């Protein structure tokens, strides 16, 4: 029976995809380190845009600290839009701990 992926399952799929992409660009021959790093970054952006066969596109929007707006206004600086109301309605939001969980989903870890 089909079911909707839960947040942790979505996070796992994304992080595993990132690791497979790292592996691909790391082993690619005939490219400089810079070209491989640019390729990796490009591939991650393609994934977010929905260009990966295994994953859908993802919403990517700023979610600044609530105090940021007032701070930047006080300094006469531009500030990022707030999306806290929208964020509460989004299902499967994986942001916030990706960097902390990245190593956990490393299928190449020895």
N, C-alpha and C. Protein backbone atom coordinates (compact mmCIF):
# COMPACT_ATOMS: atom_id res chain seq x y z
N UNK A 1 0.84 -1.18 0.00
CA UNK A 1 0.00 0.00 0.00
C UNK A 1 0.88 1.25 0.00
N UNK A 2 0.58 2.19 -0.85
CA UNK A 2 1.35 3.44 -0.95
C UNK A 2 1.10 4.34 0.25
N UNK A 3 2.11 5.12 0.58
CA UNK A 3 1.97 6.11 1.66
C UNK A 3 2.86 7.30 1.34
N UNK A 4 2.56 8.39 1.97
CA UNK A 4 3.36 9.60 1.84
C UNK A 4 4.64 9.44 2.66
N UNK A 5 5.76 9.84 2.07
CA UNK A 5 7.01 9.82 2.83
C UNK A 5 6.92 10.76 4.02
N UNK A 6 7.48 10.35 5.13
CA UNK A 6 7.56 11.23 6.30
C UNK A 6 8.84 12.04 6.20
N UNK A 7 8.94 13.06 7.02
CA UNK A 7 10.06 14.00 6.99
C UNK A 7 11.42 13.31 6.97
N UNK A 8 11.62 12.36 7.87
CA UNK A 8 12.91 11.69 7.96
C UNK A 8 13.22 10.88 6.71
N UNK A 9 12.22 10.30 6.09
CA UNK A 9 12.44 9.55 4.84
C UNK A 9 12.84 10.49 3.70
N UNK A 10 12.22 11.65 3.64
CA UNK A 10 12.58 12.64 2.62
C UNK A 10 14.01 13.10 2.84
N UNK A 11 14.33 13.40 4.08
CA UNK A 11 15.69 13.83 4.43
C UNK A 11 16.70 12.76 4.02
N UNK A 12 16.40 11.51 4.31
CA UNK A 12 17.29 10.41 3.96
C UNK A 12 17.50 10.34 2.45
N UNK A 13 16.45 10.43 1.68
CA UNK A 13 16.56 10.37 0.22
C UNK A 13 17.43 11.50 -0.32
N UNK A 14 17.23 12.70 0.21
CA UNK A 14 18.02 13.85 -0.24
C UNK A 14 19.49 13.67 0.12
N UNK A 15 19.77 13.31 1.35
CA UNK A 15 21.16 13.17 1.77
C UNK A 15 21.85 12.01 1.07
N UNK A 16 21.16 10.92 0.84
CA UNK A 16 21.75 9.81 0.08
C UNK A 16 22.05 10.25 -1.35
N UNK A 17 21.16 11.05 -1.94
CA UNK A 17 21.40 11.56 -3.29
C UNK A 17 22.64 12.46 -3.30
N UNK A 18 22.78 13.29 -2.29
CA UNK A 18 23.96 14.16 -2.20
C UNK A 18 25.22 13.31 -2.12
N UNK A 19 25.20 12.26 -1.30
CA UNK A 19 26.37 11.40 -1.19
C UNK A 19 26.70 10.71 -2.51
N UNK A 20 25.70 10.23 -3.23
CA UNK A 20 25.95 9.58 -4.52
C UNK A 20 26.52 10.60 -5.52
N UNK A 21 26.05 11.84 -5.42
CA UNK A 21 26.55 12.89 -6.30
C UNK A 21 28.01 13.23 -5.97
N UNK A 22 28.33 13.27 -4.69
CA UNK A 22 29.72 13.48 -4.26
C UNK A 22 30.59 12.38 -4.83
N UNK A 23 30.15 11.15 -4.70
CA UNK A 23 30.92 10.00 -5.19
C UNK A 23 31.15 10.11 -6.70
N UNK A 24 30.11 10.47 -7.44
CA UNK A 24 30.22 10.61 -8.89
C UNK A 24 31.28 11.65 -9.26
N UNK A 25 31.17 12.85 -8.68
CA UNK A 25 32.09 13.93 -9.05
C UNK A 25 33.51 13.68 -8.52
N UNK A 26 33.64 12.97 -7.42
CA UNK A 26 34.95 12.66 -6.88
C UNK A 26 35.72 11.70 -7.80
N UNK A 27 35.02 10.77 -8.42
CA UNK A 27 35.68 9.76 -9.26
C UNK A 27 35.79 10.16 -10.72
N UNK A 28 35.19 11.27 -11.09
CA UNK A 28 35.21 11.70 -12.49
C UNK A 28 36.62 12.08 -12.91
N UNK A 29 37.08 11.47 -13.97
CA UNK A 29 38.45 11.71 -14.46
C UNK A 29 38.44 12.81 -15.51
N UNK A 30 39.60 13.43 -15.72
CA UNK A 30 39.76 14.43 -16.76
C UNK A 30 39.23 15.80 -16.40
N UNK A 31 38.92 16.03 -15.13
CA UNK A 31 38.42 17.33 -14.69
C UNK A 31 39.32 17.85 -13.57
N UNK A 32 39.46 19.14 -13.50
CA UNK A 32 40.21 19.73 -12.39
C UNK A 32 39.38 19.65 -11.12
N UNK A 33 40.02 19.88 -10.00
CA UNK A 33 39.29 19.89 -8.74
C UNK A 33 38.19 20.96 -8.78
N UNK A 34 38.53 22.12 -9.33
CA UNK A 34 37.56 23.21 -9.43
C UNK A 34 36.36 22.79 -10.28
N UNK A 35 36.60 22.15 -11.41
CA UNK A 35 35.51 21.71 -12.29
C UNK A 35 34.63 20.67 -11.58
N UNK A 36 35.25 19.79 -10.82
CA UNK A 36 34.46 18.79 -10.08
C UNK A 36 33.63 19.44 -8.97
N UNK A 37 34.21 20.42 -8.28
CA UNK A 37 33.45 21.12 -7.23
C UNK A 37 32.28 21.89 -7.84
N UNK A 38 32.52 22.56 -8.97
CA UNK A 38 31.43 23.27 -9.66
C UNK A 38 30.37 22.29 -10.13
N UNK A 39 30.80 21.14 -10.62
CA UNK A 39 29.86 20.12 -11.06
C UNK A 39 29.01 19.61 -9.91
N UNK A 40 29.63 19.39 -8.75
CA UNK A 40 28.90 18.95 -7.57
C UNK A 40 27.86 19.98 -7.16
N UNK A 41 28.27 21.24 -7.09
CA UNK A 41 27.32 22.30 -6.71
C UNK A 41 26.18 22.37 -7.71
N UNK A 42 26.50 22.30 -8.99
CA UNK A 42 25.49 22.35 -10.04
C UNK A 42 24.52 21.18 -9.89
N UNK A 43 25.04 19.98 -9.64
CA UNK A 43 24.19 18.80 -9.49
C UNK A 43 23.24 18.93 -8.31
N UNK A 44 23.71 19.51 -7.21
CA UNK A 44 22.83 19.70 -6.05
C UNK A 44 21.74 20.70 -6.38
N UNK A 45 22.08 21.76 -7.11
CA UNK A 45 21.06 22.73 -7.53
C UNK A 45 20.07 22.09 -8.49
N UNK A 46 20.53 21.24 -9.38
CA UNK A 46 19.63 20.51 -10.29
C UNK A 46 18.65 19.67 -9.48
N UNK A 47 19.15 18.99 -8.44
CA UNK A 47 18.28 18.19 -7.58
C UNK A 47 17.20 19.06 -6.96
N UNK A 48 17.60 20.21 -6.41
CA UNK A 48 16.62 21.10 -5.78
C UNK A 48 15.59 21.61 -6.79
N UNK A 49 16.03 21.82 -8.03
CA UNK A 49 15.14 22.32 -9.08
C UNK A 49 14.22 21.24 -9.64
N UNK A 50 14.43 19.99 -9.26
CA UNK A 50 13.57 18.91 -9.73
C UNK A 50 14.10 18.18 -10.95
N UNK A 51 15.38 18.34 -11.25
CA UNK A 51 15.96 17.70 -12.42
C UNK A 51 16.50 16.31 -12.16
N UNK A 52 16.36 15.80 -10.96
CA UNK A 52 16.80 14.45 -10.63
C UNK A 52 15.65 13.49 -10.89
N UNK A 53 15.97 12.36 -11.48
CA UNK A 53 14.92 11.37 -11.79
C UNK A 53 14.30 10.77 -10.53
N UNK A 54 15.03 10.77 -9.43
CA UNK A 54 14.56 10.10 -8.22
C UNK A 54 13.89 11.01 -7.19
N UNK A 55 13.99 12.32 -7.39
CA UNK A 55 13.46 13.26 -6.40
C UNK A 55 12.65 14.35 -7.10
N UNK A 56 11.65 14.89 -6.41
CA UNK A 56 10.89 16.02 -6.96
C UNK A 56 11.65 17.32 -6.74
N UNK A 57 11.12 18.42 -7.23
CA UNK A 57 11.73 19.72 -6.91
C UNK A 57 11.42 20.04 -5.45
N UNK A 58 12.20 20.97 -4.90
CA UNK A 58 12.04 21.34 -3.50
C UNK A 58 11.81 22.83 -3.38
N UNK A 59 11.02 23.21 -2.40
CA UNK A 59 10.85 24.62 -2.07
C UNK A 59 12.11 25.08 -1.35
N UNK A 60 12.63 26.20 -1.78
CA UNK A 60 13.80 26.77 -1.10
C UNK A 60 13.48 28.25 -0.90
N UNK A 61 13.34 28.63 0.35
CA UNK A 61 12.96 30.01 0.66
C UNK A 61 13.66 30.43 1.95
N UNK A 62 13.93 31.72 2.10
CA UNK A 62 14.58 32.18 3.32
C UNK A 62 13.67 32.02 4.54
N UNK A 63 14.29 31.70 5.65
CA UNK A 63 13.59 31.58 6.93
C UNK A 63 14.47 32.23 8.00
N UNK A 64 14.59 33.56 7.94
CA UNK A 64 15.50 34.26 8.85
C UNK A 64 15.03 34.21 10.29
N UNK A 65 15.95 34.43 11.18
CA UNK A 65 15.61 34.57 12.58
C UNK A 65 14.64 35.74 12.71
N UNK A 66 13.62 35.63 13.54
CA UNK A 66 12.65 36.72 13.68
C UNK A 66 13.24 38.07 14.04
N UNK A 67 14.40 38.09 14.68
CA UNK A 67 15.03 39.36 15.06
C UNK A 67 15.82 39.99 13.92
N UNK A 68 16.06 39.25 12.84
CA UNK A 68 16.90 39.77 11.75
C UNK A 68 16.32 41.02 11.09
N UNK A 69 15.02 41.02 10.84
CA UNK A 69 14.39 42.14 10.13
C UNK A 69 14.61 43.44 10.88
N UNK A 70 14.29 43.45 12.15
CA UNK A 70 14.43 44.67 12.95
C UNK A 70 15.90 45.12 12.99
N UNK A 71 16.80 44.17 13.14
CA UNK A 71 18.23 44.49 13.19
C UNK A 71 18.68 45.17 11.89
N UNK A 72 18.30 44.60 10.75
CA UNK A 72 18.73 45.16 9.47
C UNK A 72 18.06 46.51 9.19
N UNK A 73 16.82 46.66 9.59
CA UNK A 73 16.14 47.95 9.43
C UNK A 73 16.87 49.01 10.26
N UNK A 74 17.22 48.66 11.49
CA UNK A 74 17.92 49.58 12.38
C UNK A 74 19.25 50.03 11.76
N UNK A 75 19.91 49.14 11.02
CA UNK A 75 21.19 49.46 10.39
C UNK A 75 21.02 50.05 8.99
N UNK A 76 19.76 50.21 8.54
CA UNK A 76 19.51 50.76 7.22
C UNK A 76 19.85 49.79 6.09
N UNK A 77 19.81 48.50 6.40
CA UNK A 77 20.16 47.46 5.42
C UNK A 77 18.91 46.74 4.92
N UNK A 78 19.02 46.14 3.77
CA UNK A 78 17.95 45.28 3.26
C UNK A 78 17.87 44.02 4.10
N UNK A 79 16.72 43.37 4.07
CA UNK A 79 16.52 42.15 4.86
C UNK A 79 15.76 41.12 4.03
N UNK A 80 15.91 39.87 4.44
CA UNK A 80 15.26 38.78 3.74
C UNK A 80 13.78 38.68 4.11
N UNK A 81 12.95 38.23 3.18
CA UNK A 81 11.54 38.04 3.50
C UNK A 81 11.37 36.93 4.54
N UNK A 82 10.33 37.06 5.33
CA UNK A 82 10.03 36.07 6.36
C UNK A 82 8.98 35.10 5.83
N UNK A 83 9.15 33.84 6.15
CA UNK A 83 8.23 32.81 5.68
C UNK A 83 7.77 31.89 6.80
N UNK A 84 7.78 32.40 8.01
CA UNK A 84 7.46 31.54 9.15
C UNK A 84 6.03 31.01 9.10
N UNK A 85 5.08 31.82 8.66
CA UNK A 85 3.69 31.35 8.56
C UNK A 85 3.56 30.24 7.53
N UNK A 86 4.22 30.39 6.41
CA UNK A 86 4.18 29.38 5.35
C UNK A 86 4.89 28.11 5.79
N UNK A 87 5.98 28.25 6.51
CA UNK A 87 6.78 27.10 6.92
C UNK A 87 5.99 26.14 7.79
N UNK A 88 5.05 26.67 8.57
CA UNK A 88 4.24 25.83 9.44
C UNK A 88 3.29 24.94 8.65
N UNK A 89 2.99 25.30 7.41
CA UNK A 89 2.05 24.54 6.59
C UNK A 89 2.75 23.55 5.66
N UNK A 90 4.05 23.65 5.53
CA UNK A 90 4.79 22.80 4.60
C UNK A 90 4.98 21.42 5.21
N UNK A 91 4.68 20.40 4.42
CA UNK A 91 4.88 19.01 4.86
C UNK A 91 6.22 18.52 4.33
N UNK A 92 6.95 17.80 5.14
CA UNK A 92 8.20 17.20 4.70
C UNK A 92 9.38 18.15 4.68
N UNK A 93 9.30 19.24 5.43
CA UNK A 93 10.42 20.19 5.49
C UNK A 93 11.63 19.47 6.09
N UNK A 94 12.73 19.46 5.37
CA UNK A 94 13.92 18.75 5.82
C UNK A 94 15.02 19.68 6.31
N UNK A 95 14.79 20.97 6.22
CA UNK A 95 15.82 21.94 6.58
C UNK A 95 16.04 21.99 8.09
N UNK A 96 17.20 22.48 8.45
CA UNK A 96 17.47 22.71 9.85
C UNK A 96 18.47 21.76 10.46
N UNK A 97 18.58 20.56 9.92
CA UNK A 97 19.56 19.63 10.50
C UNK A 97 20.26 18.80 9.42
N UNK A 98 20.21 19.26 8.19
CA UNK A 98 20.86 18.51 7.11
C UNK A 98 22.34 18.33 7.37
N UNK A 99 23.02 19.40 7.75
CA UNK A 99 24.46 19.32 7.98
C UNK A 99 24.80 18.40 9.15
N UNK A 100 23.92 18.32 10.12
CA UNK A 100 24.16 17.47 11.28
C UNK A 100 23.92 15.99 10.95
N UNK A 101 23.04 15.74 10.01
CA UNK A 101 22.70 14.36 9.67
C UNK A 101 23.42 13.83 8.44
N UNK A 102 24.16 14.68 7.77
CA UNK A 102 24.78 14.27 6.51
C UNK A 102 25.63 13.02 6.67
N UNK A 103 26.51 13.01 7.65
CA UNK A 103 27.41 11.88 7.82
C UNK A 103 26.66 10.59 8.13
N UNK A 104 25.55 10.70 8.82
CA UNK A 104 24.75 9.51 9.18
C UNK A 104 24.30 8.74 7.95
N UNK A 105 24.00 9.44 6.86
CA UNK A 105 23.49 8.81 5.65
C UNK A 105 24.57 8.55 4.61
N UNK A 106 25.81 8.60 5.00
CA UNK A 106 26.92 8.35 4.08
C UNK A 106 27.03 6.86 3.78
N UNK A 107 26.63 6.43 2.58
CA UNK A 107 26.72 5.01 2.26
C UNK A 107 28.15 4.56 1.95
N UNK A 108 29.07 5.50 1.82
CA UNK A 108 30.46 5.19 1.49
C UNK A 108 31.36 5.20 2.71
N UNK A 109 30.78 5.45 3.88
CA UNK A 109 31.56 5.52 5.12
C UNK A 109 32.19 4.16 5.40
N UNK A 110 33.44 4.22 5.72
CA UNK A 110 34.17 2.96 5.95
C UNK A 110 34.36 2.68 7.40
